[in-house]
Amino acid sequence: MKLAEQWEAAARNRITEAQARRVLSDIHEQIHGSPLHTPSVDDYVATWLARKQGETAPVTLAAYKGAANEFAAFLGDKSAQPLHYVTPAQVAEWRDHAANKATPRTANNKLKIVRVLFQSAWRDGLLTENPAAKIQTLKAGRSKRRPFTLPELRSVLKVANDEWRGMILIGLYTGQRLKDIASLTWANIDLEEAEIRFSTSKTDRFQVIPMAKALRRHIEEMPAGDDARAPLFPNAFKIATGHLHTGLLSRQFSELLATAGLGKPPPETHEGTGKGRGAKREQNALSFHSLRHTATSLLKNAGVSDAVARDLVGHESAAVSASYTHIDDAAKRKAIAKLPDILAQKR
């Protein structure tokens, strides 16, 4: 009778799936002396990340760790509860919390990771549905990132030290990411063939990029030892390949931009912003990643085909390449000038 009353009360309250599992767990415990076993959010996050360690690239794994651990931390004490207690409302609240700290685009990327986490739990038979699958992504506006103008680049190069000058030039003439450039060794450089060869850290894509004349000339002037494993940029290499966070390199570049008059210097602490740790970070339209936009745009403005530009920069799709393409006014005017004059009188 007691069990029947519990079921009747559950039906009367139109319980959710998570509530039903609690009732089932209580009934199971009364009959068998132990509740149904479901790992906690904390336990499953740890198990899932350990599994992903052998399945994903280091950069992807770092993103997984960041989003999954951030979600568990957001739940607070509730992260110690069984995994099936997580509700769609909690996931939506965390998504909005992430968007307030960063941008809608960043929050959407984190939401996708949490979806993957719960989908894995569903495949493991621990859930009957994915609570994150019901949550819509936020509407994300266009990125504020833009390419450098040539005068801006010259002003940055003027205040950069030798190491940063080399990394900026490689970023400009190859469109590659900061971490990959900072991780280069002399073994990646072939001056005889005028090529840079390496595998990208994000996609593990093998790149062979011819050197522009200006870049080759600069690299030839850099001091090189006899060890091919020696890094091109020793200080940046220690950060990119060591235990330090690569955000330190981005911070250094932000300081360089500020010195060149192209932005505000980053605050030393969260207190320095006057907004607290939870506030959304101000985003500069220029960053080292802007060199990727610059390289793509310069190639397209020079008339290089989309396929070749994509291969050089390493974009996987035309859609991604298009988002990095910023056609300048001169190229647009030149294109418009080629259109026929339909009103011209025939002679």
C-alpha atoms as a PDB file:
ATOM      1  CA  MET A   1       0.000   0.000   0.000  1.00  0.00           C
ATOM      2  CA  LYS A   2       2.866   2.374   0.840  1.00  0.00           C
ATOM      3  CA  LEU A   3       4.493   1.764  -2.575  1.00  0.00           C
ATOM      4  CA  ALA A   4       1.145   2.222  -4.324  1.00  0.00           C
ATOM      5  CA  GLU A   5       0.588   5.527  -2.533  1.00  0.00           C
ATOM      6  CA  GLN A   6       4.016   6.746  -3.677  1.00  0.00           C
ATOM      7  CA  TRP A   7       3.203   5.913  -7.274  1.00  0.00           C
ATOM      8  CA  GLU A   8      -0.225   7.542  -6.997  1.00  0.00           C
ATOM      9  CA  ALA A   9       1.313  10.716  -5.552  1.00  0.00           C
ATOM     10  CA  ALA A  10       3.917  10.760  -8.293  1.00  0.00           C
ATOM     11  CA  ALA A  11       1.294  10.419 -11.038  1.00  0.00           C
ATOM     12  CA  ARG A  12      -0.877  13.065  -9.428  1.00  0.00           C
ATOM     13  CA  ASN A  13       2.006  15.567  -9.439  1.00  0.00           C
ATOM     14  CA  ARG A  14       2.890  14.841 -13.092  1.00  0.00           C
ATOM     15  CA  ILE A  15       6.477  14.184 -12.134  1.00  0.00           C
ATOM     16  CA  THR A  16       9.461  14.697 -14.370  1.00  0.00           C
ATOM     17  CA  GLU A  17      11.741  11.872 -15.476  1.00  0.00           C
ATOM     18  CA  ALA A  18      14.309  12.840 -12.832  1.00  0.00           C
ATOM     19  CA  GLN A  19      11.663  12.801 -10.090  1.00  0.00           C
ATOM     20  CA  ALA A  20      10.446   9.406 -11.277  1.00  0.00           C
ATOM     21  CA  ARG A  21      13.966   8.039 -11.000  1.00  0.00           C
ATOM     22  CA  ARG A  22      14.108   9.292  -7.413  1.00  0.00           C
ATOM     23  CA  VAL A  23      10.882   7.443  -6.601  1.00  0.00           C
ATOM     24  CA  LEU A  24      12.210   4.324  -8.301  1.00  0.00           C
ATOM     25  CA  SER A  25      15.475   4.652  -6.398  1.00  0.00           C
ATOM     26  CA  ASP A  26      13.612   4.961  -3.075  1.00  0.00           C
ATOM     27  CA  ILE A  27      11.457   1.906  -3.885  1.00  0.00           C
ATOM     28  CA  HIS A  28      14.537  -0.049  -4.992  1.00  0.00           C
ATOM     29  CA  GLU A  29      16.275   0.851  -1.729  1.00  0.00           C
ATOM     30  CA  GLN A  30      13.281  -0.264   0.375  1.00  0.00           C
ATOM     31  CA  ILE A  31      13.121  -3.631  -1.432  1.00  0.00           C
ATOM     32  CA  HIS A  32      16.819  -4.382  -1.932  1.00  0.00           C
ATOM     33  CA  GLY A  33      18.456  -2.270   0.752  1.00  0.00           C
ATOM     34  CA  SER A  34      20.416  -0.081  -1.659  1.00  0.00           C
ATOM     35  CA  PRO A  35      19.443   2.774  -4.021  1.00  0.00           C
ATOM     36  CA  LEU A  36      19.808   2.618  -7.801  1.00  0.00           C
ATOM     37  CA  HIS A  37      23.405   3.503  -8.678  1.00  0.00           C
ATOM     38  CA  THR A  38      23.912   6.626 -10.743  1.00  0.00           C
ATOM     39  CA  PRO A  39      27.205   8.515 -10.674  1.00  0.00           C
ATOM     40  CA  SER A  40      27.243  12.097  -9.491  1.00  0.00           C
ATOM     41  CA  VAL A  41      27.851  14.955 -11.900  1.00  0.00           C
ATOM     42  CA  ASP A  42      31.387  15.342 -10.517  1.00  0.00           C
ATOM     43  CA  ASP A  43      32.156  11.629 -10.895  1.00  0.00           C
ATOM     44  CA  TYR A  44      30.816  11.381 -14.421  1.00  0.00           C
ATOM     45  CA  VAL A  45      32.632  14.543 -15.558  1.00  0.00           C
ATOM     46  CA  ALA A  46      35.914  13.038 -14.303  1.00  0.00           C
ATOM     47  CA  THR A  47      35.184   9.702 -16.023  1.00  0.00           C
ATOM     48  CA  TRP A  48      34.162  11.371 -19.285  1.00  0.00           C
ATOM     49  CA  LEU A  49      37.235  13.625 -19.416  1.00  0.00           C
ATOM     50  CA  ALA A  50      39.527  10.655 -18.734  1.00  0.00           C
ATOM     51  CA  ARG A  51      37.907   8.848 -21.661  1.00  0.00           C
ATOM     52  CA  LYS A  52      38.281  11.858 -23.937  1.00  0.00           C
ATOM     53  CA  GLN A  53      41.978  12.143 -23.156  1.00  0.00           C
ATOM     54  CA  GLY A  54      42.726   9.324 -25.595  1.00  0.00           C
ATOM     55  CA  GLU A  55      40.100  10.355 -28.147  1.00  0.00           C
ATOM     56  CA  THR A  56      40.714  14.058 -28.804  1.00  0.00           C
ATOM     57  CA  ALA A  57      43.514  16.479 -29.604  1.00  0.00           C
ATOM     58  CA  PRO A  58      45.057  18.382 -26.646  1.00  0.00           C
ATOM     59  CA  VAL A  59      43.415  21.667 -27.659  1.00  0.00           C
ATOM     60  CA  THR A  60      39.977  20.044 -27.891  1.00  0.00           C
ATOM     61  CA  LEU A  61      40.510  18.255 -24.590  1.00  0.00           C
ATOM     62  CA  ALA A  62      41.362  21.566 -22.933  1.00  0.00           C
ATOM     63  CA  ALA A  63      38.085  23.043 -24.222  1.00  0.00           C
ATOM     64  CA  TYR A  64      36.177  19.990 -22.933  1.00  0.00           C
ATOM     65  CA  LYS A  65      37.795  20.298 -19.512  1.00  0.00           C
ATOM     66  CA  GLY A  66      37.036  24.002 -19.299  1.00  0.00           C
ATOM     67  CA  ALA A  67      33.339  23.687 -20.172  1.00  0.00           C
ATOM     68  CA  ALA A  68      32.612  20.491 -18.201  1.00  0.00           C
ATOM     69  CA  ASN A  69      34.375  21.642 -15.037  1.00  0.00           C
ATOM     70  CA  GLU A  70      32.784  25.077 -15.304  1.00  0.00           C
ATOM     71  CA  PHE A  71      29.332  23.485 -15.530  1.00  0.00           C
ATOM     72  CA  ALA A  72      29.999  21.296 -12.468  1.00  0.00           C
ATOM     73  CA  ALA A  73      31.296  24.322 -10.534  1.00  0.00           C
ATOM     74  CA  PHE A  74      28.182  26.292 -11.480  1.00  0.00           C
ATOM     75  CA  LEU A  75      25.984  23.586  -9.942  1.00  0.00           C
ATOM     76  CA  GLY A  76      27.815  23.983  -6.635  1.00  0.00           C
ATOM     77  CA  ASP A  77      26.772  21.410  -4.018  1.00  0.00           C
ATOM     78  CA  LYS A  78      24.309  19.917  -6.504  1.00  0.00           C
ATOM     79  CA  SER A  79      27.207  18.559  -8.552  1.00  0.00           C
ATOM     80  CA  ALA A  80      27.531  15.845  -5.901  1.00  0.00           C
ATOM     81  CA  GLN A  81      23.988  14.657  -6.646  1.00  0.00           C
ATOM     82  CA  PRO A  82      23.205  11.884  -9.161  1.00  0.00           C
ATOM     83  CA  LEU A  83      23.644  12.818 -12.809  1.00  0.00           C
ATOM     84  CA  HIS A  84      19.964  12.321 -13.641  1.00  0.00           C
ATOM     85  CA  TYR A  85      18.988  15.103 -11.220  1.00  0.00           C
ATOM     86  CA  VAL A  86      20.268  17.732 -13.692  1.00  0.00           C
ATOM     87  CA  THR A  87      17.353  19.540 -15.331  1.00  0.00           C
ATOM     88  CA  PRO A  88      17.102  21.480 -18.610  1.00  0.00           C
ATOM     89  CA  ALA A  89      16.410  24.608 -16.550  1.00  0.00           C
ATOM     90  CA  GLN A  90      19.785  24.278 -14.824  1.00  0.00           C
ATOM     91  CA  VAL A  91      21.559  23.860 -18.161  1.00  0.00           C
ATOM     92  CA  ALA A  92      19.785  26.951 -19.555  1.00  0.00           C
ATOM     93  CA  GLU A  93      20.697  28.979 -16.478  1.00  0.00           C
ATOM     94  CA  TRP A  94      24.342  27.975 -16.840  1.00  0.00           C
ATOM     95  CA  ARG A  95      24.298  28.867 -20.566  1.00  0.00           C
ATOM     96  CA  ASP A  96      23.075  32.372 -19.725  1.00  0.00           C
ATOM     97  CA  HIS A  97      25.664  32.644 -16.941  1.00  0.00           C
ATOM     98  CA  ALA A  98      28.419  31.736 -19.423  1.00  0.00           C
ATOM     99  CA  ALA A  99      27.135  34.321 -21.917  1.00  0.00           C
ATOM    100  CA  ASN A 100      27.212  37.049 -19.257  1.00  0.00           C
ATOM    101  CA  LYS A 101      30.873  36.277 -18.546  1.00  0.00           C
ATOM    102  CA  ALA A 102      32.007  36.101 -22.169  1.00  0.00           C
ATOM    103  CA  THR A 103      29.974  36.235 -25.405  1.00  0.00           C
ATOM    104  CA  PRO A 104      26.939  34.339 -26.779  1.00  0.00           C
ATOM    105  CA  ARG A 105      29.248  32.581 -29.230  1.00  0.00           C
ATOM    106  CA  THR A 106      31.483  31.331 -26.407  1.00  0.00           C
ATOM    107  CA  ALA A 107      28.442  30.250 -24.374  1.00  0.00           C
ATOM    108  CA  ASN A 108      27.091  28.317 -27.375  1.00  0.00           C
ATOM    109  CA  ASN A 109      30.398  26.486 -27.815  1.00  0.00           C
ATOM    110  CA  LYS A 110      30.372  25.486 -24.149  1.00  0.00           C
ATOM    111  CA  LEU A 111      26.739  24.373 -24.401  1.00  0.00           C
ATOM    112  CA  LYS A 112      27.647  22.088 -27.300  1.00  0.00           C
ATOM    113  CA  ILE A 113      30.342  20.463 -25.167  1.00  0.00           C
ATOM    114  CA  VAL A 114      27.923  19.856 -22.291  1.00  0.00           C
ATOM    115  CA  ARG A 115      25.484  18.339 -24.799  1.00  0.00           C
ATOM    116  CA  VAL A 116      28.203  15.903 -25.838  1.00  0.00           C
ATOM    117  CA  LEU A 117      28.852  15.048 -22.187  1.00  0.00           C
ATOM    118  CA  PHE A 118      25.195  14.206 -21.473  1.00  0.00           C
ATOM    119  CA  GLN A 119      24.838  12.402 -24.784  1.00  0.00           C
ATOM    120  CA  SER A 120      27.704  10.171 -23.697  1.00  0.00           C
ATOM    121  CA  ALA A 121      25.886   9.493 -20.411  1.00  0.00           C
ATOM    122  CA  TRP A 122      22.761   8.588 -22.400  1.00  0.00           C
ATOM    123  CA  ARG A 123      24.769   6.126 -24.514  1.00  0.00           C
ATOM    124  CA  ASP A 124      26.156   4.648 -21.297  1.00  0.00           C
ATOM    125  CA  GLY A 125      22.580   3.917 -20.208  1.00  0.00           C
ATOM    126  CA  LEU A 126      22.693   6.352 -17.286  1.00  0.00           C
ATOM    127  CA  LEU A 127      20.045   8.723 -18.664  1.00  0.00           C
ATOM    128  CA  THR A 128      16.821   8.274 -20.599  1.00  0.00           C
ATOM    129  CA  GLU A 129      17.218  11.696 -22.238  1.00  0.00           C
ATOM    130  CA  ASN A 130      19.780  14.452 -22.662  1.00  0.00           C
ATOM    131  CA  PRO A 131      18.785  17.544 -20.595  1.00  0.00           C
ATOM    132  CA  ALA A 132      21.117  19.770 -22.619  1.00  0.00           C
ATOM    133  CA  ALA A 133      19.614  18.696 -25.959  1.00  0.00           C
ATOM    134  CA  LYS A 134      16.470  20.715 -25.222  1.00  0.00           C
ATOM    135  CA  ILE A 135      18.370  23.979 -24.730  1.00  0.00           C
ATOM    136  CA  GLN A 136      18.589  26.303 -27.719  1.00  0.00           C
ATOM    137  CA  THR A 137      21.769  28.148 -28.582  1.00  0.00           C
ATOM    138  CA  LEU A 138      21.802  31.900 -28.129  1.00  0.00           C
ATOM    139  CA  LYS A 139      21.647  34.280 -31.035  1.00  0.00           C
ATOM    140  CA  ALA A 140      25.237  35.314 -31.647  1.00  0.00           C
ATOM    141  CA  GLY A 141      26.055  38.536 -33.414  1.00  0.00           C
ATOM    142  CA  ARG A 142      28.882  38.977 -35.861  1.00  0.00           C
ATOM    143  CA  SER A 143      32.369  38.781 -34.426  1.00  0.00           C
ATOM    144  CA  LYS A 144      34.017  42.116 -33.668  1.00  0.00           C
ATOM    145  CA  ARG A 145      37.337  40.792 -34.931  1.00  0.00           C
ATOM    146  CA  ARG A 146      38.727  42.630 -37.945  1.00  0.00           C
ATOM    147  CA  PRO A 147      41.934  42.540 -39.967  1.00  0.00           C
ATOM    148  CA  PHE A 148      44.846  44.891 -39.383  1.00  0.00           C
ATOM    149  CA  THR A 149      45.466  47.702 -41.797  1.00  0.00           C
ATOM    150  CA  LEU A 150      49.017  47.881 -43.129  1.00  0.00           C
ATOM    151  CA  PRO A 151      49.758  51.131 -41.239  1.00  0.00           C
ATOM    152  CA  GLU A 152      48.550  49.471 -38.021  1.00  0.00           C
ATOM    153  CA  LEU A 153      50.831  46.491 -38.635  1.00  0.00           C
ATOM    154  CA  ARG A 154      53.809  48.759 -39.213  1.00  0.00           C
ATOM    155  CA  SER A 155      53.124  50.555 -35.937  1.00  0.00           C
ATOM    156  CA  VAL A 156      53.002  47.243 -34.061  1.00  0.00           C
ATOM    157  CA  LEU A 157      56.191  45.955 -35.699  1.00  0.00           C
ATOM    158  CA  LYS A 158      57.915  49.213 -34.761  1.00  0.00           C
ATOM    159  CA  VAL A 159      57.424  48.623 -31.012  1.00  0.00           C
ATOM    160  CA  ALA A 160      57.798  44.803 -31.050  1.00  0.00           C
ATOM    161  CA  ASN A 161      60.959  43.031 -29.882  1.00  0.00           C
ATOM    162  CA  ASP A 162      62.784  40.628 -32.203  1.00  0.00           C
ATOM    163  CA  GLU A 163      60.804  37.570 -31.057  1.00  0.00           C
ATOM    164  CA  TRP A 164      57.401  39.157 -31.445  1.00  0.00           C
ATOM    165  CA  ARG A 165      58.398  40.739 -34.753  1.00  0.00           C
ATOM    166  CA  GLY A 166      59.129  37.291 -36.142  1.00  0.00           C
ATOM    167  CA  MET A 167      55.884  35.797 -34.852  1.00  0.00           C
ATOM    168  CA  ILE A 168      53.846  38.695 -36.250  1.00  0.00           C
ATOM    169  CA  LEU A 169      55.430  38.321 -39.692  1.00  0.00           C
ATOM    170  CA  ILE A 170      54.729  34.579 -39.747  1.00  0.00           C
ATOM    171  CA  GLY A 171      51.151  35.269 -38.632  1.00  0.00           C
ATOM    172  CA  LEU A 172      50.719  37.836 -41.388  1.00  0.00           C
ATOM    173  CA  TYR A 173      52.234  35.784 -44.219  1.00  0.00           C
ATOM    174  CA  THR A 174      50.793  32.395 -43.243  1.00  0.00           C
ATOM    175  CA  GLY A 175      47.591  33.146 -41.309  1.00  0.00           C
ATOM    176  CA  GLN A 176      48.431  30.545 -38.659  1.00  0.00           C
ATOM    177  CA  ARG A 177      47.407  30.524 -35.000  1.00  0.00           C
ATOM    178  CA  LEU A 178      49.556  31.984 -32.232  1.00  0.00           C
ATOM    179  CA  LYS A 179      50.194  28.691 -30.433  1.00  0.00           C
ATOM    180  CA  ASP A 180      51.340  26.936 -33.617  1.00  0.00           C
ATOM    181  CA  ILE A 181      53.701  29.788 -34.492  1.00  0.00           C
ATOM    182  CA  ALA A 182      55.133  29.936 -30.962  1.00  0.00           C
ATOM    183  CA  SER A 183      55.733  26.150 -31.094  1.00  0.00           C
ATOM    184  CA  LEU A 184      57.846  26.210 -34.285  1.00  0.00           C
ATOM    185  CA  THR A 185      61.374  24.833 -34.244  1.00  0.00           C
ATOM    186  CA  TRP A 186      64.080  25.113 -36.891  1.00  0.00           C
ATOM    187  CA  ALA A 187      63.109  21.607 -38.022  1.00  0.00           C
ATOM    188  CA  ASN A 188      59.860  23.127 -39.324  1.00  0.00           C
ATOM    189  CA  ILE A 189      61.767  25.593 -41.505  1.00  0.00           C
ATOM    190  CA  ASP A 190      63.148  24.701 -44.934  1.00  0.00           C
ATOM    191  CA  LEU A 191      65.000  27.757 -46.220  1.00  0.00           C
ATOM    192  CA  GLU A 192      66.235  25.916 -49.304  1.00  0.00           C
ATOM    193  CA  GLU A 193      62.681  25.209 -50.475  1.00  0.00           C
ATOM    194  CA  ALA A 194      61.362  28.371 -48.769  1.00  0.00           C
ATOM    195  CA  GLU A 195      58.680  26.422 -46.907  1.00  0.00           C
ATOM    196  CA  ILE A 196      57.290  26.090 -43.378  1.00  0.00           C
ATOM    197  CA  ARG A 197      56.040  22.578 -42.514  1.00  0.00           C
ATOM    198  CA  PHE A 198      54.122  21.669 -39.359  1.00  0.00           C
ATOM    199  CA  SER A 199      50.931  20.073 -38.013  1.00  0.00           C
ATOM    200  CA  THR A 200      48.334  22.373 -36.479  1.00  0.00           C
ATOM    201  CA  SER A 201      47.523  21.835 -32.803  1.00  0.00           C
ATOM    202  CA  LYS A 202      43.779  22.392 -33.203  1.00  0.00           C
ATOM    203  CA  THR A 203      42.971  20.101 -36.156  1.00  0.00           C
ATOM    204  CA  ASP A 204      46.222  18.129 -36.574  1.00  0.00           C
ATOM    205  CA  ARG A 205      46.234  19.277 -40.198  1.00  0.00           C
ATOM    206  CA  PHE A 206      49.656  19.002 -41.867  1.00  0.00           C
ATOM    207  CA  GLN A 207      50.545  22.320 -43.481  1.00  0.00           C
ATOM    208  CA  VAL A 208      53.197  23.081 -46.065  1.00  0.00           C
ATOM    209  CA  ILE A 209      53.262  26.842 -46.621  1.00  0.00           C
ATOM    210  CA  PRO A 210      55.610  28.607 -49.034  1.00  0.00           C
ATOM    211  CA  MET A 211      57.376  31.607 -47.543  1.00  0.00           C
ATOM    212  CA  ALA A 212      56.735  35.086 -48.881  1.00  0.00           C
ATOM    213  CA  LYS A 213      59.942  36.843 -49.870  1.00  0.00           C
ATOM    214  CA  ALA A 214      59.739  39.294 -46.953  1.00  0.00           C
ATOM    215  CA  LEU A 215      59.223  36.459 -44.468  1.00  0.00           C
ATOM    216  CA  ARG A 216      62.047  34.361 -45.898  1.00  0.00           C
ATOM    217  CA  ARG A 217      64.384  37.340 -45.742  1.00  0.00           C
ATOM    218  CA  HIS A 218      63.509  37.944 -42.091  1.00  0.00           C
ATOM    219  CA  ILE A 219      63.958  34.293 -41.082  1.00  0.00           C
ATOM    220  CA  GLU A 220      67.324  34.135 -42.864  1.00  0.00           C
ATOM    221  CA  GLU A 221      68.473  37.018 -40.664  1.00  0.00           C
ATOM    222  CA  MET A 222      67.393  35.295 -37.426  1.00  0.00           C
ATOM    223  CA  PRO A 223      70.176  33.642 -35.367  1.00  0.00           C
ATOM    224  CA  ALA A 224      70.038  29.839 -35.750  1.00  0.00           C
ATOM    225  CA  GLY A 225      72.113  27.213 -33.969  1.00  0.00           C
ATOM    226  CA  ASP A 226      73.095  23.697 -35.015  1.00  0.00           C
ATOM    227  CA  ASP A 227      70.197  21.998 -33.222  1.00  0.00           C
ATOM    228  CA  ALA A 228      67.187  21.572 -35.528  1.00  0.00           C
ATOM    229  CA  ARG A 229      64.999  21.001 -32.458  1.00  0.00           C
ATOM    230  CA  ALA A 230      65.776  24.468 -31.126  1.00  0.00           C
ATOM    231  CA  PRO A 231      62.754  26.805 -31.100  1.00  0.00           C
ATOM    232  CA  LEU A 232      62.514  29.818 -33.375  1.00  0.00           C
ATOM    233  CA  PHE A 233      61.115  31.862 -30.516  1.00  0.00           C
ATOM    234  CA  PRO A 234      62.512  30.486 -27.206  1.00  0.00           C
ATOM    235  CA  ASN A 235      60.464  32.570 -24.760  1.00  0.00           C
ATOM    236  CA  ALA A 236      57.152  31.978 -26.536  1.00  0.00           C
ATOM    237  CA  PHE A 237      58.041  28.311 -27.024  1.00  0.00           C
ATOM    238  CA  LYS A 238      58.332  27.786 -23.256  1.00  0.00           C
ATOM    239  CA  ILE A 239      54.803  29.114 -22.784  1.00  0.00           C
ATOM    240  CA  ALA A 240      53.233  27.337 -25.769  1.00  0.00           C
ATOM    241  CA  THR A 241      54.692  23.913 -24.988  1.00  0.00           C
ATOM    242  CA  GLY A 242      55.050  24.078 -21.211  1.00  0.00           C
ATOM    243  CA  HIS A 243      52.624  24.054 -18.319  1.00  0.00           C
ATOM    244  CA  LEU A 244      51.904  27.766 -18.493  1.00  0.00           C
ATOM    245  CA  HIS A 245      48.593  28.938 -19.984  1.00  0.00           C
ATOM    246  CA  THR A 246      48.940  30.105 -23.605  1.00  0.00           C
ATOM    247  CA  GLY A 247      46.720  33.049 -22.677  1.00  0.00           C
ATOM    248  CA  LEU A 248      49.934  34.633 -21.418  1.00  0.00           C
ATOM    249  CA  LEU A 249      51.019  35.052 -25.035  1.00  0.00           C
ATOM    250  CA  SER A 250      47.710  36.692 -25.930  1.00  0.00           C
ATOM    251  CA  ARG A 251      48.140  39.014 -22.980  1.00  0.00           C
ATOM    252  CA  GLN A 252      51.638  39.952 -24.102  1.00  0.00           C
ATOM    253  CA  PHE A 253      50.315  40.763 -27.561  1.00  0.00           C
ATOM    254  CA  SER A 254      47.514  42.881 -26.049  1.00  0.00           C
ATOM    255  CA  GLU A 255      50.158  44.849 -24.169  1.00  0.00           C
ATOM    256  CA  LEU A 256      52.053  45.268 -27.439  1.00  0.00           C
ATOM    257  CA  LEU A 257      48.914  46.627 -29.121  1.00  0.00           C
ATOM    258  CA  ALA A 258      48.445  49.078 -26.274  1.00  0.00           C
ATOM    259  CA  THR A 259      52.040  50.267 -26.663  1.00  0.00           C
ATOM    260  CA  ALA A 260      51.357  50.832 -30.359  1.00  0.00           C
ATOM    261  CA  GLY A 261      48.251  52.866 -29.489  1.00  0.00           C
ATOM    262  CA  LEU A 262      45.821  50.231 -30.772  1.00  0.00           C
ATOM    263  CA  GLY A 263      44.009  49.335 -27.578  1.00  0.00           C
ATOM    264  CA  LYS A 264      43.929  49.500 -23.820  1.00  0.00           C
ATOM    265  CA  PRO A 265      46.437  47.493 -21.775  1.00  0.00           C
ATOM    266  CA  PRO A 266      44.832  44.456 -20.099  1.00  0.00           C
ATOM    267  CA  PRO A 267      44.170  44.937 -16.351  1.00  0.00           C
ATOM    268  CA  GLU A 268      46.524  43.189 -13.956  1.00  0.00           C
ATOM    269  CA  THR A 269      43.611  41.671 -12.005  1.00  0.00           C
ATOM    270  CA  HIS A 270      39.831  41.395 -12.176  1.00  0.00           C
ATOM    271  CA  GLU A 271      39.722  44.085  -9.510  1.00  0.00           C
ATOM    272  CA  GLY A 272      41.519  46.348 -11.960  1.00  0.00           C
ATOM    273  CA  THR A 273      38.444  46.417 -14.198  1.00  0.00           C
ATOM    274  CA  GLY A 274      36.208  47.594 -11.366  1.00  0.00           C
ATOM    275  CA  LYS A 275      33.625  45.032 -12.506  1.00  0.00           C
ATOM    276  CA  GLY A 276      34.541  41.871 -10.616  1.00  0.00           C
ATOM    277  CA  ARG A 277      35.459  38.363 -11.751  1.00  0.00           C
ATOM    278  CA  GLY A 278      32.006  37.536 -13.099  1.00  0.00           C
ATOM    279  CA  ALA A 279      31.785  40.497 -15.465  1.00  0.00           C
ATOM    280  CA  LYS A 280      31.983  40.145 -19.220  1.00  0.00           C
ATOM    281  CA  ARG A 281      35.436  40.853 -20.619  1.00  0.00           C
ATOM    282  CA  GLU A 282      35.840  43.773 -23.005  1.00  0.00           C
ATOM    283  CA  GLN A 283      36.865  42.536 -26.420  1.00  0.00           C
ATOM    284  CA  ASN A 284      39.328  44.422 -28.578  1.00  0.00           C
ATOM    285  CA  ALA A 285      38.555  44.259 -32.281  1.00  0.00           C
ATOM    286  CA  LEU A 286      42.250  43.489 -32.805  1.00  0.00           C
ATOM    287  CA  SER A 287      44.171  40.494 -31.472  1.00  0.00           C
ATOM    288  CA  PHE A 288      46.815  38.120 -32.772  1.00  0.00           C
ATOM    289  CA  HIS A 289      43.972  36.132 -34.346  1.00  0.00           C
ATOM    290  CA  SER A 290      43.254  39.248 -36.442  1.00  0.00           C
ATOM    291  CA  LEU A 291      46.381  38.355 -38.425  1.00  0.00           C
ATOM    292  CA  ARG A 292      44.453  35.283 -39.610  1.00  0.00           C
ATOM    293  CA  HIS A 293      41.745  37.629 -40.881  1.00  0.00           C
ATOM    294  CA  THR A 294      44.430  39.857 -42.406  1.00  0.00           C
ATOM    295  CA  ALA A 295      46.161  37.028 -44.268  1.00  0.00           C
ATOM    296  CA  THR A 296      42.879  35.687 -45.656  1.00  0.00           C
ATOM    297  CA  SER A 297      41.736  39.136 -46.754  1.00  0.00           C
ATOM    298  CA  LEU A 298      45.066  40.038 -48.388  1.00  0.00           C
ATOM    299  CA  LEU A 299      45.036  36.793 -50.369  1.00  0.00           C
ATOM    300  CA  LYS A 300      41.442  37.309 -51.550  1.00  0.00           C
ATOM    301  CA  ASN A 301      42.047  40.986 -52.365  1.00  0.00           C
ATOM    302  CA  ALA A 302      45.075  39.954 -54.435  1.00  0.00           C
ATOM    303  CA  GLY A 303      42.817  37.735 -56.563  1.00  0.00           C
ATOM    304  CA  VAL A 304      43.878  34.393 -55.059  1.00  0.00           C
ATOM    305  CA  SER A 305      41.163  31.761 -55.499  1.00  0.00           C
ATOM    306  CA  ASP A 306      39.055  30.725 -52.532  1.00  0.00           C
ATOM    307  CA  ALA A 307      40.375  27.145 -52.671  1.00  0.00           C
ATOM    308  CA  VAL A 308      44.026  28.227 -52.563  1.00  0.00           C
ATOM    309  CA  ALA A 309      43.426  30.780 -49.790  1.00  0.00           C
ATOM    310  CA  ARG A 310      41.584  28.168 -47.725  1.00  0.00           C
ATOM    311  CA  ASP A 311      44.402  25.646 -48.139  1.00  0.00           C
ATOM    312  CA  LEU A 312      47.119  28.123 -47.193  1.00  0.00           C
ATOM    313  CA  VAL A 313      45.390  29.442 -44.089  1.00  0.00           C
ATOM    314  CA  GLY A 314      43.969  26.053 -43.149  1.00  0.00           C
ATOM    315  CA  HIS A 315      40.220  26.728 -43.213  1.00  0.00           C
ATOM    316  CA  GLU A 316      38.168  23.545 -43.444  1.00  0.00           C
ATOM    317  CA  SER A 317      35.208  25.070 -45.293  1.00  0.00           C
ATOM    318  CA  ALA A 318      34.255  27.922 -47.598  1.00  0.00           C
ATOM    319  CA  ALA A 319      31.850  29.221 -44.937  1.00  0.00           C
ATOM    320  CA  VAL A 320      34.632  29.588 -42.379  1.00  0.00           C
ATOM    321  CA  SER A 321      36.912  31.191 -44.945  1.00  0.00           C
ATOM    322  CA  ALA A 322      34.173  33.668 -45.864  1.00  0.00           C
ATOM    323  CA  SER A 323      33.869  34.828 -42.259  1.00  0.00           C
ATOM    324  CA  TYR A 324      37.605  35.678 -42.312  1.00  0.00           C
ATOM    325  CA  THR A 325      37.400  37.544 -45.621  1.00  0.00           C
ATOM    326  CA  HIS A 326      37.188  41.350 -45.546  1.00  0.00           C
ATOM    327  CA  ILE A 327      37.296  42.823 -49.056  1.00  0.00           C
ATOM    328  CA  ASP A 328      38.746  46.328 -49.117  1.00  0.00           C
ATOM    329  CA  ASP A 329      37.230  49.309 -50.962  1.00  0.00           C
ATOM    330  CA  ALA A 330      39.888  49.328 -53.689  1.00  0.00           C
ATOM    331  CA  ALA A 331      39.150  45.722 -54.646  1.00  0.00           C
ATOM    332  CA  LYS A 332      35.414  46.429 -54.662  1.00  0.00           C
ATOM    333  CA  ARG A 333      35.827  49.508 -56.852  1.00  0.00           C
ATOM    334  CA  LYS A 334      38.070  47.569 -59.221  1.00  0.00           C
ATOM    335  CA  ALA A 335      35.439  44.844 -59.482  1.00  0.00           C
ATOM    336  CA  ILE A 336      32.593  47.337 -60.074  1.00  0.00           C
ATOM    337  CA  ALA A 337      34.636  49.085 -62.755  1.00  0.00           C
ATOM    338  CA  LYS A 338      34.671  45.832 -64.750  1.00  0.00           C
ATOM    339  CA  LEU A 339      30.876  45.787 -65.087  1.00  0.00           C
ATOM    340  CA  PRO A 340      29.537  46.715 -68.547  1.00  0.00           C
ATOM    341  CA  ASP A 341      27.806  50.056 -69.194  1.00  0.00           C
ATOM    342  CA  ILE A 342      24.371  48.958 -70.297  1.00  0.00           C
ATOM    343  CA  LEU A 343      23.344  52.561 -71.025  1.00  0.00           C
ATOM    344  CA  ALA A 344      26.255  53.287 -73.349  1.00  0.00           C
ATOM    345  CA  GLN A 345      25.222  54.054 -76.913  1.00  0.00           C
ATOM    346  CA  LYS A 346      26.470  51.606 -79.501  1.00  0.00           C
ATOM    347  CA  ARG A 347      28.530  53.108 -82.271  1.00  0.00           C
END
